[in-house]
Amino acid sequence: RQGVVTHSSGNFAQALALAAKSLGIKAYIVMPSNAP
């Protein structure tokens, strides 16, 4: 219910966001400014 957070430049950021969405959970993603 509180959501999940990670830091990632790309693939894990996408993975956690989609996995969280699939489970109805909020995802907070920290990405470096130079990420693609």
PDB file of all heavy atoms in Angstrom:
ATOM      1  N   ARG A   1       0.821  -1.223   0.000  1.00  0.00           N
ATOM      2  CA  ARG A   1       0.000   0.000   0.000  1.00  0.00           C
ATOM      3  C   ARG A   1       0.848   1.263   0.000  1.00  0.00           C
ATOM      4  O   ARG A   1       0.417   2.315  -0.471  1.00  0.00           O
ATOM      5  CB  ARG A   1      -0.947  -0.005   1.198  1.00  0.00           C
ATOM      6  CG  ARG A   1      -2.142  -0.950   1.042  1.00  0.00           C
ATOM      7  CD  ARG A   1      -3.206  -0.700   2.092  1.00  0.00           C
ATOM      8  NE  ARG A   1      -2.759  -1.092   3.424  1.00  0.00           N
ATOM      9  CZ  ARG A   1      -2.912  -2.298   3.938  1.00  0.00           C
ATOM     10  NH1 ARG A   1      -3.505  -3.265   3.225  1.00  0.00           N
ATOM     11  NH2 ARG A   1      -2.498  -2.582   5.166  1.00  0.00           N
ATOM     12  N   GLN A   2       2.054   1.166   0.516  1.00  0.00           N
ATOM     13  CA  GLN A   2       2.950   2.331   0.592  1.00  0.00           C
ATOM     14  C   GLN A   2       3.778   2.516  -0.695  1.00  0.00           C
ATOM     15  O   GLN A   2       4.441   3.528  -0.861  1.00  0.00           O
ATOM     16  CB  GLN A   2       3.903   2.188   1.779  1.00  0.00           C
ATOM     17  CG  GLN A   2       3.228   2.127   3.137  1.00  0.00           C
ATOM     18  CD  GLN A   2       2.531   3.425   3.485  1.00  0.00           C
ATOM     19  OE1 GLN A   2       1.316   3.525   3.382  1.00  0.00           O
ATOM     20  NE2 GLN A   2       3.295   4.422   3.878  1.00  0.00           N
ATOM     21  N   GLY A   3       3.760   1.517  -1.552  1.00  0.00           N
ATOM     22  CA  GLY A   3       4.491   1.618  -2.811  1.00  0.00           C
ATOM     23  C   GLY A   3       5.927   1.137  -2.706  1.00  0.00           C
ATOM     24  O   GLY A   3       6.399   0.707  -1.651  1.00  0.00           O
ATOM     25  N   VAL A   4       6.625   1.202  -3.837  1.00  0.00           N
ATOM     26  CA  VAL A   4       8.022   0.757  -3.913  1.00  0.00           C
ATOM     27  C   VAL A   4       8.868   1.848  -4.557  1.00  0.00           C
ATOM     28  O   VAL A   4       8.372   2.686  -5.309  1.00  0.00           O
ATOM     29  CB  VAL A   4       8.149  -0.553  -4.729  1.00  0.00           C
ATOM     30  CG1 VAL A   4       7.545  -1.724  -3.970  1.00  0.00           C
ATOM     31  CG2 VAL A   4       7.513  -0.418  -6.113  1.00  0.00           C
ATOM     32  N   VAL A   5      10.163   1.815  -4.246  1.00  0.00           N
ATOM     33  CA  VAL A   5      11.093   2.794  -4.813  1.00  0.00           C
ATOM     34  C   VAL A   5      12.378   2.081  -5.209  1.00  0.00           C
ATOM     35  O   VAL A   5      12.797   1.124  -4.558  1.00  0.00           O
ATOM     36  CB  VAL A   5      11.383   3.940  -3.811  1.00  0.00           C
ATOM     37  CG1 VAL A   5      11.974   3.397  -2.504  1.00  0.00           C
ATOM     38  CG2 VAL A   5      12.313   4.986  -4.425  1.00  0.00           C
ATOM     39  N   THR A   6      12.979   2.529  -6.288  1.00  0.00           N
ATOM     40  CA  THR A   6      14.287   2.025  -6.693  1.00  0.00           C
ATOM     41  C   THR A   6      15.048   3.136  -7.394  1.00  0.00           C
ATOM     42  O   THR A   6      14.501   4.190  -7.705  1.00  0.00           O
ATOM     43  CB  THR A   6      14.162   0.804  -7.624  1.00  0.00           C
ATOM     44  OG1 THR A   6      15.441   0.146  -7.695  1.00  0.00           O
ATOM     45  CG2 THR A   6      13.726   1.194  -9.037  1.00  0.00           C
ATOM     46  N   HIS A   7      16.335   2.884  -7.644  1.00  0.00           N
ATOM     47  CA  HIS A   7      17.111   3.770  -8.525  1.00  0.00           C
ATOM     48  C   HIS A   7      17.669   2.930  -9.666  1.00  0.00           C
ATOM     49  O   HIS A   7      18.141   1.820  -9.459  1.00  0.00           O
ATOM     50  CB  HIS A   7      18.215   4.511  -7.772  1.00  0.00           C
ATOM     51  CG  HIS A   7      19.196   3.626  -7.055  1.00  0.00           C
ATOM     52  ND1 HIS A   7      20.188   2.915  -7.700  1.00  0.00           N
ATOM     53  CD2 HIS A   7      19.335   3.338  -5.730  1.00  0.00           C
ATOM     54  CE1 HIS A   7      20.903   2.254  -6.815  1.00  0.00           C
ATOM     55  NE2 HIS A   7      20.401   2.476  -5.605  1.00  0.00           N
ATOM     56  N   SER A   8      17.573   3.457 -10.869  1.00  0.00           N
ATOM     57  CA  SER A   8      17.989   2.693 -12.049  1.00  0.00           C
ATOM     58  C   SER A   8      18.128   3.624 -13.237  1.00  0.00           C
ATOM     59  O   SER A   8      17.383   4.589 -13.367  1.00  0.00           O
ATOM     60  CB  SER A   8      16.952   1.607 -12.366  1.00  0.00           C
ATOM     61  OG  SER A   8      17.157   1.061 -13.646  1.00  0.00           O
ATOM     62  N   SER A   9      19.089   3.308 -14.108  1.00  0.00           N
ATOM     63  CA  SER A   9      19.266   4.110 -15.319  1.00  0.00           C
ATOM     64  C   SER A   9      18.378   3.638 -16.454  1.00  0.00           C
ATOM     65  O   SER A   9      18.310   4.272 -17.495  1.00  0.00           O
ATOM     66  CB  SER A   9      20.730   4.056 -15.774  1.00  0.00           C
ATOM     67  OG  SER A   9      21.093   2.717 -16.060  1.00  0.00           O
ATOM     68  N   GLY A  10      17.682   2.511 -16.266  1.00  0.00           N
ATOM     69  CA  GLY A  10      16.886   2.056 -17.405  1.00  0.00           C
ATOM     70  C   GLY A  10      16.027   0.842 -17.204  1.00  0.00           C
ATOM     71  O   GLY A  10      14.864   0.929 -16.843  1.00  0.00           O
ATOM     72  N   ASN A  11      16.596  -0.348 -17.422  1.00  0.00           N
ATOM     73  CA  ASN A  11      15.776  -1.554 -17.498  1.00  0.00           C
ATOM     74  C   ASN A  11      15.070  -1.903 -16.193  1.00  0.00           C
ATOM     75  O   ASN A  11      13.907  -2.297 -16.195  1.00  0.00           O
ATOM     76  CB  ASN A  11      16.613  -2.738 -17.981  1.00  0.00           C
ATOM     77  CG  ASN A  11      16.793  -2.745 -19.492  1.00  0.00           C
ATOM     78  OD1 ASN A  11      16.080  -2.059 -20.216  1.00  0.00           O
ATOM     79  ND2 ASN A  11      17.754  -3.501 -19.977  1.00  0.00           N
ATOM     80  N   PHE A  12      15.749  -1.790 -15.057  1.00  0.00           N
ATOM     81  CA  PHE A  12      15.064  -2.121 -13.804  1.00  0.00           C
ATOM     82  C   PHE A  12      14.022  -1.062 -13.469  1.00  0.00           C
ATOM     83  O   PHE A  12      12.988  -1.372 -12.862  1.00  0.00           O
ATOM     84  CB  PHE A  12      16.041  -2.286 -12.632  1.00  0.00           C
ATOM     85  CG  PHE A  12      15.404  -2.968 -11.443  1.00  0.00           C
ATOM     86  CD1 PHE A  12      15.200  -4.341 -11.439  1.00  0.00           C
ATOM     87  CD2 PHE A  12      14.972  -2.237 -10.344  1.00  0.00           C
ATOM     88  CE1 PHE A  12      14.587  -4.977 -10.367  1.00  0.00           C
ATOM     89  CE2 PHE A  12      14.352  -2.856  -9.264  1.00  0.00           C
ATOM     90  CZ  PHE A  12      14.165  -4.226  -9.274  1.00  0.00           C
ATOM     91  N   ALA A  13      14.283   0.168 -13.875  1.00  0.00           N
ATOM     92  CA  ALA A  13      13.288   1.229 -13.687  1.00  0.00           C
ATOM     93  C   ALA A  13      11.990   0.850 -14.398  1.00  0.00           C
ATOM     94  O   ALA A  13      10.894   0.946 -13.827  1.00  0.00           O
ATOM     95  CB  ALA A  13      13.823   2.547 -14.234  1.00  0.00           C
ATOM     96  N   GLN A  14      12.127   0.396 -15.639  1.00  0.00           N
ATOM     97  CA  GLN A  14      10.950  -0.022 -16.402  1.00  0.00           C
ATOM     98  C   GLN A  14      10.305  -1.263 -15.778  1.00  0.00           C
ATOM     99  O   GLN A  14       9.077  -1.363 -15.692  1.00  0.00           O
ATOM    100  CB  GLN A  14      11.362  -0.336 -17.841  1.00  0.00           C
ATOM    101  CG  GLN A  14      11.853   0.873 -18.620  1.00  0.00           C
ATOM    102  CD  GLN A  14      12.399   0.471 -19.977  1.00  0.00           C
ATOM    103  OE1 GLN A  14      11.654   0.034 -20.840  1.00  0.00           O
ATOM    104  NE2 GLN A  14      13.699   0.613 -20.173  1.00  0.00           N
ATOM    105  N   ALA A  15      11.123  -2.192 -15.357  1.00  0.00           N
ATOM    106  CA  ALA A  15      10.612  -3.438 -14.794  1.00  0.00           C
ATOM    107  C   ALA A  15       9.808  -3.188 -13.528  1.00  0.00           C
ATOM    108  O   ALA A  15       8.700  -3.708 -13.366  1.00  0.00           O
ATOM    109  CB  ALA A  15      11.777  -4.392 -14.502  1.00  0.00           C
ATOM    110  N   LEU A  16      10.360  -2.388 -12.622  1.00  0.00           N
ATOM    111  CA  LEU A  16       9.653  -2.140 -11.363  1.00  0.00           C
ATOM    112  C   LEU A  16       8.371  -1.350 -11.613  1.00  0.00           C
ATOM    113  O   LEU A  16       7.333  -1.625 -10.993  1.00  0.00           O
ATOM    114  CB  LEU A  16      10.549  -1.397 -10.374  1.00  0.00           C
ATOM    115  CG  LEU A  16      10.047  -1.469  -8.924  1.00  0.00           C
ATOM    116  CD1 LEU A  16      10.236  -2.865  -8.354  1.00  0.00           C
ATOM    117  CD2 LEU A  16      10.751  -0.439  -8.042  1.00  0.00           C
ATOM    118  N   ALA A  17       8.434  -0.386 -12.533  1.00  0.00           N
ATOM    119  CA  ALA A  17       7.237   0.402 -12.844  1.00  0.00           C
ATOM    120  C   ALA A  17       6.126  -0.483 -13.402  1.00  0.00           C
ATOM    121  O   ALA A  17       4.970  -0.380 -12.982  1.00  0.00           O
ATOM    122  CB  ALA A  17       7.586   1.514 -13.840  1.00  0.00           C
ATOM    123  N   LEU A  18       6.466  -1.382 -14.337  1.00  0.00           N
ATOM    124  CA  LEU A  18       5.451  -2.245 -14.937  1.00  0.00           C
ATOM    125  C   LEU A  18       4.953  -3.299 -13.949  1.00  0.00           C
ATOM    126  O   LEU A  18       3.750  -3.571 -13.867  1.00  0.00           O
ATOM    127  CB  LEU A  18       6.002  -2.922 -16.191  1.00  0.00           C
ATOM    128  CG  LEU A  18       5.026  -3.863 -16.913  1.00  0.00           C
ATOM    129  CD1 LEU A  18       3.718  -3.150 -17.280  1.00  0.00           C
ATOM    130  CD2 LEU A  18       5.673  -4.468 -18.161  1.00  0.00           C
ATOM    131  N   ALA A  19       5.879  -3.881 -13.184  1.00  0.00           N
ATOM    132  CA  ALA A  19       5.474  -4.882 -12.189  1.00  0.00           C
ATOM    133  C   ALA A  19       4.532  -4.259 -11.164  1.00  0.00           C
ATOM    134  O   ALA A  19       3.520  -4.851 -10.789  1.00  0.00           O
ATOM    135  CB  ALA A  19       6.708  -5.467 -11.497  1.00  0.00           C
ATOM    136  N   ALA A  20       4.870  -3.048 -10.722  1.00  0.00           N
ATOM    137  CA  ALA A  20       4.022  -2.347  -9.750  1.00  0.00           C
ATOM    138  C   ALA A  20       2.648  -2.045 -10.347  1.00  0.00           C
ATOM    139  O   ALA A  20       1.615  -2.231  -9.698  1.00  0.00           O
ATOM    140  CB  ALA A  20       4.705  -1.060  -9.290  1.00  0.00           C
ATOM    141  N   LYS A  21       2.648  -1.597 -11.591  1.00  0.00           N
ATOM    142  CA  LYS A  21       1.373  -1.292 -12.263  1.00  0.00           C
ATOM    143  C   LYS A  21       0.507  -2.556 -12.362  1.00  0.00           C
ATOM    144  O   LYS A  21      -0.707  -2.506 -12.125  1.00  0.00           O
ATOM    145  CB  LYS A  21       1.645  -0.722 -13.652  1.00  0.00           C
ATOM    146  CG  LYS A  21       0.387  -0.324 -14.418  1.00  0.00           C
ATOM    147  CD  LYS A  21       0.728   0.231 -15.792  1.00  0.00           C
ATOM    148  CE  LYS A  21      -0.527   0.640 -16.541  1.00  0.00           C
ATOM    149  NZ  LYS A  21      -0.213   1.151 -17.904  1.00  0.00           N
ATOM    150  N   SER A  22       1.123  -3.676 -12.694  1.00  0.00           N
ATOM    151  CA  SER A  22       0.397  -4.945 -12.827  1.00  0.00           C
ATOM    152  C   SER A  22      -0.257  -5.357 -11.515  1.00  0.00           C
ATOM    153  O   SER A  22      -1.278  -6.040 -11.501  1.00  0.00           O
ATOM    154  CB  SER A  22       1.345  -6.057 -13.280  1.00  0.00           C
ATOM    155  OG  SER A  22       1.956  -5.741 -14.513  1.00  0.00           O
ATOM    156  N   LEU A  23       0.339  -4.914 -10.400  1.00  0.00           N
ATOM    157  CA  LEU A  23      -0.143  -5.305  -9.078  1.00  0.00           C
ATOM    158  C   LEU A  23      -0.895  -4.177  -8.369  1.00  0.00           C
ATOM    159  O   LEU A  23      -1.260  -4.308  -7.207  1.00  0.00           O
ATOM    160  CB  LEU A  23       1.043  -5.765  -8.223  1.00  0.00           C
ATOM    161  CG  LEU A  23       1.751  -7.033  -8.732  1.00  0.00           C
ATOM    162  CD1 LEU A  23       3.125  -7.181  -8.112  1.00  0.00           C
ATOM    163  CD2 LEU A  23       0.898  -8.259  -8.438  1.00  0.00           C
ATOM    164  N   GLY A  24      -1.113  -3.073  -9.083  1.00  0.00           N
ATOM    165  CA  GLY A  24      -1.849  -1.951  -8.514  1.00  0.00           C
ATOM    166  C   GLY A  24      -1.104  -1.225  -7.415  1.00  0.00           C
ATOM    167  O   GLY A  24      -1.700  -0.749  -6.438  1.00  0.00           O
ATOM    168  N   ILE A  25       0.207  -1.103  -7.572  1.00  0.00           N
ATOM    169  CA  ILE A  25       1.068  -0.503  -6.548  1.00  0.00           C
ATOM    170  C   ILE A  25       1.777   0.722  -7.121  1.00  0.00           C
ATOM    171  O   ILE A  25       2.156   0.743  -8.296  1.00  0.00           O
ATOM    172  CB  ILE A  25       2.108  -1.537  -6.069  1.00  0.00           C
ATOM    173  CG1 ILE A  25       1.401  -2.703  -5.374  1.00  0.00           C
ATOM    174  CG2 ILE A  25       3.141  -0.920  -5.136  1.00  0.00           C
ATOM    175  CD1 ILE A  25       2.299  -3.883  -5.137  1.00  0.00           C
ATOM    176  N   LYS A  26       1.996   1.731  -6.299  1.00  0.00           N
ATOM    177  CA  LYS A  26       2.694   2.935  -6.724  1.00  0.00           C
ATOM    178  C   LYS A  26       4.196   2.665  -6.820  1.00  0.00           C
ATOM    179  O   LYS A  26       4.781   2.022  -5.943  1.00  0.00           O
ATOM    180  CB  LYS A  26       2.445   4.054  -5.698  1.00  0.00           C
ATOM    181  CG  LYS A  26       3.061   5.392  -6.053  1.00  0.00           C
ATOM    182  CD  LYS A  26       2.363   6.053  -7.212  1.00  0.00           C
ATOM    183  CE  LYS A  26       2.969   7.423  -7.504  1.00  0.00           C
ATOM    184  NZ  LYS A  26       2.375   8.057  -8.686  1.00  0.00           N
ATOM    185  N   ALA A  27       4.836   3.169  -7.890  1.00  0.00           N
ATOM    186  CA  ALA A  27       6.281   2.988  -8.067  1.00  0.00           C
ATOM    187  C   ALA A  27       6.967   4.334  -8.199  1.00  0.00           C
ATOM    188  O   ALA A  27       6.612   5.143  -9.066  1.00  0.00           O
ATOM    189  CB  ALA A  27       6.558   2.131  -9.300  1.00  0.00           C
ATOM    190  N   TYR A  28       7.952   4.584  -7.346  1.00  0.00           N
ATOM    191  CA  TYR A  28       8.765   5.797  -7.389  1.00  0.00           C
ATOM    192  C   TYR A  28      10.135   5.412  -7.948  1.00  0.00           C
ATOM    193  O   TYR A  28      10.822   4.553  -7.388  1.00  0.00           O
ATOM    194  CB  TYR A  28       8.920   6.399  -5.991  1.00  0.00           C
ATOM    195  CG  TYR A  28       7.604   6.703  -5.309  1.00  0.00           C
ATOM    196  CD1 TYR A  28       7.040   5.798  -4.407  1.00  0.00           C
ATOM    197  CD2 TYR A  28       6.919   7.887  -5.577  1.00  0.00           C
ATOM    198  CE1 TYR A  28       5.829   6.062  -3.785  1.00  0.00           C
ATOM    199  CE2 TYR A  28       5.703   8.161  -4.956  1.00  0.00           C
ATOM    200  CZ  TYR A  28       5.162   7.243  -4.066  1.00  0.00           C
ATOM    201  OH  TYR A  28       3.956   7.513  -3.453  1.00  0.00           O
ATOM    202  N   ILE A  29      10.508   6.035  -9.041  1.00  0.00           N
ATOM    203  CA  ILE A  29      11.730   5.641  -9.744  1.00  0.00           C
ATOM    204  C   ILE A  29      12.723   6.797  -9.789  1.00  0.00           C
ATOM    205  O   ILE A  29      12.430   7.865 -10.341  1.00  0.00           O
ATOM    206  CB  ILE A  29      11.421   5.199 -11.189  1.00  0.00           C
ATOM    207  CG1 ILE A  29      10.244   4.209 -11.239  1.00  0.00           C
ATOM    208  CG2 ILE A  29      12.674   4.625 -11.829  1.00  0.00           C
ATOM    209  CD1 ILE A  29      10.482   2.879 -10.581  1.00  0.00           C
ATOM    210  N   VAL A  30      13.901   6.584  -9.209  1.00  0.00           N
ATOM    211  CA  VAL A  30      14.982   7.569  -9.274  1.00  0.00           C
ATOM    212  C   VAL A  30      15.851   7.231 -10.475  1.00  0.00           C
ATOM    213  O   VAL A  30      16.363   6.109 -10.588  1.00  0.00           O
ATOM    214  CB  VAL A  30      15.828   7.557  -7.986  1.00  0.00           C
ATOM    215  CG1 VAL A  30      17.003   8.528  -8.107  1.00  0.00           C
ATOM    216  CG2 VAL A  30      14.959   7.902  -6.779  1.00  0.00           C
ATOM    217  N   MET A  31      16.008   8.190 -11.389  1.00  0.00           N
ATOM    218  CA  MET A  31      16.811   7.969 -12.598  1.00  0.00           C
ATOM    219  C   MET A  31      17.838   9.079 -12.750  1.00  0.00           C
ATOM    220  O   MET A  31      17.525  10.252 -12.509  1.00  0.00           O
ATOM    221  CB  MET A  31      15.919   7.916 -13.844  1.00  0.00           C
ATOM    222  CG  MET A  31      14.871   6.813 -13.820  1.00  0.00           C
ATOM    223  SD  MET A  31      13.971   6.629 -15.398  1.00  0.00           S
ATOM    224  CE  MET A  31      15.198   5.783 -16.408  1.00  0.00           C
ATOM    225  N   PRO A  32      19.067   8.742 -13.140  1.00  0.00           N
ATOM    226  CA  PRO A  32      20.062   9.788 -13.392  1.00  0.00           C
ATOM    227  C   PRO A  32      19.638  10.647 -14.581  1.00  0.00           C
ATOM    228  O   PRO A  32      18.983  10.149 -15.509  1.00  0.00           O
ATOM    229  CB  PRO A  32      21.336   9.004 -13.695  1.00  0.00           C
ATOM    230  CG  PRO A  32      20.869   7.656 -14.128  1.00  0.00           C
ATOM    231  CD  PRO A  32      19.595   7.389 -13.395  1.00  0.00           C
ATOM    232  N   SER A  33      20.004  11.900 -14.551  1.00  0.00           N
ATOM    233  CA  SER A  33      19.575  12.843 -15.589  1.00  0.00           C
ATOM    234  C   SER A  33      20.043  12.442 -16.985  1.00  0.00           C
ATOM    235  O   SER A  33      19.435  12.814 -17.984  1.00  0.00           O
ATOM    236  CB  SER A  33      20.088  14.254 -15.264  1.00  0.00           C
ATOM    237  OG  SER A  33      21.501  14.227 -15.083  1.00  0.00           O
ATOM    238  N   ASN A  34      21.131  11.643 -17.059  1.00  0.00           N
ATOM    239  CA  ASN A  34      21.663  11.240 -18.368  1.00  0.00           C
ATOM    240  C   ASN A  34      21.147   9.874 -18.820  1.00  0.00           C
ATOM    241  O   ASN A  34      21.656   9.302 -19.786  1.00  0.00           O
ATOM    242  CB  ASN A  34      23.190  11.230 -18.349  1.00  0.00           C
ATOM    243  CG  ASN A  34      23.768  10.210 -17.365  1.00  0.00           C
ATOM    244  OD1 ASN A  34      23.042   9.646 -16.550  1.00  0.00           O
ATOM    245  ND2 ASN A  34      25.062   9.979 -17.445  1.00  0.00           N
ATOM    246  N   ALA A  35      20.130   9.335 -18.137  1.00  0.00           N
ATOM    247  CA  ALA A  35      19.540   8.062 -18.571  1.00  0.00           C
ATOM    248  C   ALA A  35      18.918   8.238 -19.953  1.00  0.00           C
ATOM    249  O   ALA A  35      18.423   9.331 -20.281  1.00  0.00           O
ATOM    250  CB  ALA A  35      18.480   7.605 -17.569  1.00  0.00           C
ATOM    251  N   PRO A  36      18.938   7.197 -20.795  1.00  0.00           N
ATOM    252  CA  PRO A  36      18.374   7.316 -22.142  1.00  0.00           C
ATOM    253  C   PRO A  36      16.919   7.781 -22.109  1.00  0.00           C
ATOM    254  O   PRO A  36      16.112   7.264 -21.327  1.00  0.00           O
ATOM    255  CB  PRO A  36      18.486   5.889 -22.697  1.00  0.00           C
ATOM    256  CG  PRO A  36      19.599   5.268 -21.919  1.00  0.00           C
ATOM    257  CD  PRO A  36      19.520   5.863 -20.547  1.00  0.00           C
TER     258      PRO A  36
END
